[in-house]
Amino acid sequence: MEPQLTTERFELQPIIAADQQFIYEGLSHPQVIPFYGVRYSSFEETKSQMDWYEKLSKERTGMAWKIVDKENSERTGVISYYNHSTVHNKAEVGYWLLPQYWKKGIVSEVFQVVINYLLQEKKVHRVEAFVEEGNSDSNRLLERVGFVYEGTMRDCEIKEGQYISLRIYGLLSTDKKN
């Protein structure tokens, strides 16, 4: 079982079945989904995301946490790591917030404890993030928390019938600390 991580303002709590409505709210929100890898048009469809979260934990390839405000217990978004490879000592990270919580420093704050957990507890050497071209807010966020832009994979995926390009970011355990 993965730990519950905390920051000054937030608790990172495991996602449970009762969170499905919250996950649906985020992953169907028209402002959240343009640059996110999955989207759902019904509550029922969101069950596949819930199954994926459970599979991460069960297979020990990752973990997803809901970001909960300590002051009012509001769920603001999700941060996760996945594709954890003990062979290559690396993992990928992803996140989303409901729009009313944007630009409040939330992801920057919780990213620090997730990165520390991955580097110190999981002994990950490389943390990766893939950002869809055009998502400049995520680009700036990743650079602010210490990730390095490594290049772009051009037309590497198809989304809604169109090729998209992904920017690659990496953070190594040997990188200078902020």
Protein backbone atom coordinates (compact mmCIF):
# COMPACT_ATOMS: atom_id res chain seq x y z
CA MET A 1 0.00 0.00 0.00
CA GLU A 2 1.32 3.39 -1.00
CA PRO A 3 1.60 6.04 1.70
CA GLN A 4 -0.65 9.02 2.13
CA LEU A 5 1.56 12.01 1.34
CA THR A 6 1.02 15.51 2.75
CA THR A 7 2.14 19.06 2.15
CA GLU A 8 1.44 22.21 4.12
CA ARG A 9 -1.96 22.70 2.46
CA PHE A 10 -2.87 19.32 0.94
CA GLU A 11 -3.21 15.61 1.58
CA LEU A 12 -2.66 13.13 -1.22
CA GLN A 13 -5.16 10.36 -0.60
CA PRO A 14 -5.58 7.11 -2.53
CA ILE A 15 -8.44 7.13 -5.00
CA ILE A 16 -11.27 4.85 -3.94
CA ALA A 17 -14.46 3.64 -5.65
CA ALA A 18 -16.48 6.42 -4.01
CA ASP A 19 -14.39 8.96 -5.95
CA GLN A 20 -15.79 7.91 -9.33
CA GLN A 21 -18.12 10.93 -9.57
CA PHE A 22 -15.20 13.27 -8.82
CA ILE A 23 -13.04 11.54 -11.46
CA TYR A 24 -15.87 11.82 -13.96
CA GLU A 25 -16.27 15.52 -13.14
CA GLY A 26 -12.59 16.12 -13.91
CA LEU A 27 -12.13 13.85 -16.90
CA SER A 28 -15.26 15.09 -18.65
CA HIS A 29 -14.69 18.78 -17.92
CA PRO A 30 -14.29 20.74 -21.17
CA GLN A 31 -11.43 22.82 -19.71
CA VAL A 32 -9.52 19.83 -18.30
CA ILE A 33 -9.67 17.36 -21.18
CA PRO A 34 -8.21 19.26 -24.17
CA PHE A 35 -4.65 18.27 -23.24
CA TYR A 36 -5.35 15.16 -21.16
CA GLY A 37 -4.87 11.68 -22.54
CA VAL A 38 -8.32 10.34 -21.66
CA ARG A 39 -11.81 11.77 -21.50
CA TYR A 40 -15.19 10.36 -20.60
CA SER A 41 -18.66 11.29 -21.78
CA SER A 42 -20.53 9.33 -19.11
CA PHE A 43 -20.22 8.32 -15.49
CA GLU A 44 -20.31 4.66 -16.57
CA GLU A 45 -17.36 5.09 -18.93
CA THR A 46 -15.30 6.48 -16.05
CA LYS A 47 -15.27 2.98 -14.52
CA SER A 48 -12.41 2.12 -16.89
CA GLN A 49 -10.32 4.91 -15.33
CA MET A 50 -11.17 3.63 -11.85
CA ASP A 51 -10.11 0.13 -12.97
CA TRP A 52 -6.83 1.57 -14.28
CA TYR A 53 -6.12 3.28 -10.94
CA GLU A 54 -6.77 -0.01 -9.14
CA LYS A 55 -4.56 -1.92 -11.58
CA LEU A 56 -1.66 0.49 -10.97
CA SER A 57 -1.75 -0.22 -7.28
CA LYS A 58 -2.36 -3.96 -7.61
CA GLU A 59 0.48 -4.45 -10.13
CA ARG A 60 2.75 -2.01 -8.27
CA THR A 61 3.40 -0.03 -11.43
CA GLY A 62 2.10 3.23 -10.02
CA MET A 63 -0.31 5.07 -7.79
CA ALA A 64 -2.93 7.78 -8.22
CA TRP A 65 -3.81 10.20 -5.45
CA LYS A 66 -6.61 12.72 -5.18
CA ILE A 67 -5.35 16.10 -4.04
CA VAL A 68 -7.44 17.12 -1.00
CA ASP A 69 -7.38 20.56 0.59
CA LYS A 70 -6.65 20.13 4.32
CA GLU A 71 -8.67 23.20 5.25
CA ASN A 72 -12.00 22.31 3.63
CA SER A 73 -11.57 18.67 2.45
CA GLU A 74 -12.31 19.67 -1.15
CA ARG A 75 -10.92 17.38 -3.84
CA THR A 76 -9.04 19.59 -6.28
CA GLY A 77 -7.50 17.14 -8.74
CA VAL A 78 -5.34 14.07 -9.21
CA ILE A 79 -1.61 13.43 -9.37
CA SER A 80 -0.19 10.04 -10.23
CA TYR A 81 2.81 8.06 -11.26
CA TYR A 82 2.63 5.08 -13.58
CA ASN A 83 4.71 2.94 -15.93
CA HIS A 84 7.06 2.44 -12.99
CA SER A 85 9.90 0.22 -14.14
CA THR A 86 12.19 -1.24 -11.50
CA VAL A 87 14.38 -2.60 -14.31
CA HIS A 88 15.08 0.89 -15.64
CA ASN A 89 14.46 2.82 -12.37
CA LYS A 90 12.01 5.22 -13.96
CA ALA A 91 8.38 6.30 -13.77
CA GLU A 92 6.04 8.65 -15.58
CA VAL A 93 3.93 11.30 -13.86
CA GLY A 94 0.64 12.97 -14.75
CA TYR A 95 -1.83 15.32 -13.13
CA TRP A 96 -4.99 17.35 -13.59
CA LEU A 97 -6.88 19.94 -11.58
CA LEU A 98 -10.43 21.18 -11.76
CA PRO A 99 -10.33 24.66 -13.35
CA GLN A 100 -11.41 26.55 -10.24
CA TYR A 101 -8.12 25.47 -8.62
CA TRP A 102 -5.79 26.48 -11.46
CA LYS A 103 -2.99 28.99 -10.87
CA LYS A 104 -2.95 28.55 -7.09
CA GLY A 105 0.37 26.67 -6.85
CA ILE A 106 -1.34 23.40 -5.98
CA VAL A 107 0.43 21.08 -8.43
CA SER A 108 3.80 22.75 -7.80
CA GLU A 109 3.34 22.10 -4.08
CA VAL A 110 2.21 18.47 -4.31
CA PHE A 111 4.71 17.64 -7.05
CA GLN A 112 7.56 18.14 -4.59
CA VAL A 113 6.36 15.39 -2.23
CA VAL A 114 5.59 13.01 -5.12
CA ILE A 115 9.04 13.57 -6.66
CA ASN A 116 10.72 13.11 -3.28
CA TYR A 117 8.73 9.92 -2.72
CA LEU A 118 9.71 8.54 -6.13
CA LEU A 119 13.39 9.43 -5.77
CA GLN A 120 13.86 8.48 -2.12
CA GLU A 121 11.37 5.71 -1.38
CA LYS A 122 10.96 4.09 -4.79
CA LYS A 123 14.61 4.68 -5.76
CA VAL A 124 13.57 6.01 -9.17
CA HIS A 125 16.42 7.61 -11.10
CA ARG A 126 14.32 9.15 -13.89
CA VAL A 127 10.89 10.76 -13.68
CA GLU A 128 9.25 11.44 -17.05
CA ALA A 129 6.37 13.59 -18.20
CA PHE A 130 4.88 13.83 -21.68
CA VAL A 131 3.02 17.04 -22.53
CA GLU A 132 0.86 17.58 -25.56
CA GLU A 133 2.06 20.38 -27.85
CA GLY A 134 0.26 23.59 -27.00
CA ASN A 135 -0.09 22.95 -23.27
CA SER A 136 2.18 25.82 -22.27
CA ASP A 137 0.91 25.92 -18.67
CA SER A 138 2.11 22.35 -18.08
CA ASN A 139 5.41 23.09 -19.81
CA ARG A 140 6.07 26.01 -17.45
CA LEU A 141 4.96 24.02 -14.41
CA LEU A 142 7.28 21.12 -15.14
CA GLU A 143 10.24 23.42 -15.70
CA ARG A 144 9.43 25.29 -12.48
CA VAL A 145 9.56 22.06 -10.43
CA GLY A 146 12.89 20.98 -11.96
CA PHE A 147 12.08 18.99 -15.10
CA VAL A 148 14.20 19.51 -18.21
CA TYR A 149 12.71 19.73 -21.69
CA GLU A 150 14.38 16.97 -23.73
CA GLY A 151 12.68 17.22 -27.12
CA THR A 152 9.46 16.61 -28.98
CA MET A 153 8.09 13.39 -30.43
CA ARG A 154 6.36 14.68 -33.56
CA ASP A 155 3.01 13.22 -34.63
CA CYS A 156 3.51 10.29 -32.25
CA GLU A 157 -0.10 9.68 -31.24
CA ILE A 158 -3.56 10.02 -32.74
CA LYS A 159 -6.20 11.89 -30.75
CA GLU A 160 -9.65 12.52 -32.18
CA GLY A 161 -8.45 11.48 -35.63
CA GLN A 162 -5.52 13.93 -35.65
CA TYR A 163 -1.83 13.38 -35.05
CA ILE A 164 -0.48 15.08 -31.96
CA SER A 165 3.07 15.74 -30.84
CA LEU A 166 4.32 15.23 -27.29
CA ARG A 167 7.02 17.23 -25.53
CA ILE A 168 9.29 15.07 -23.38
CA TYR A 169 10.37 16.24 -19.92
CA GLY A 170 12.72 14.43 -17.58
CA LEU A 171 13.97 14.84 -14.06
CA LEU A 172 16.91 12.75 -12.86
CA SER A 173 17.89 11.88 -9.31
CA THR A 174 21.29 13.44 -10.11
CA ASP A 175 19.84 16.77 -11.28
CA LYS A 176 20.65 19.78 -9.13
CA LYS A 177 17.95 20.31 -6.52
CA ASN A 178 15.88 23.51 -6.68
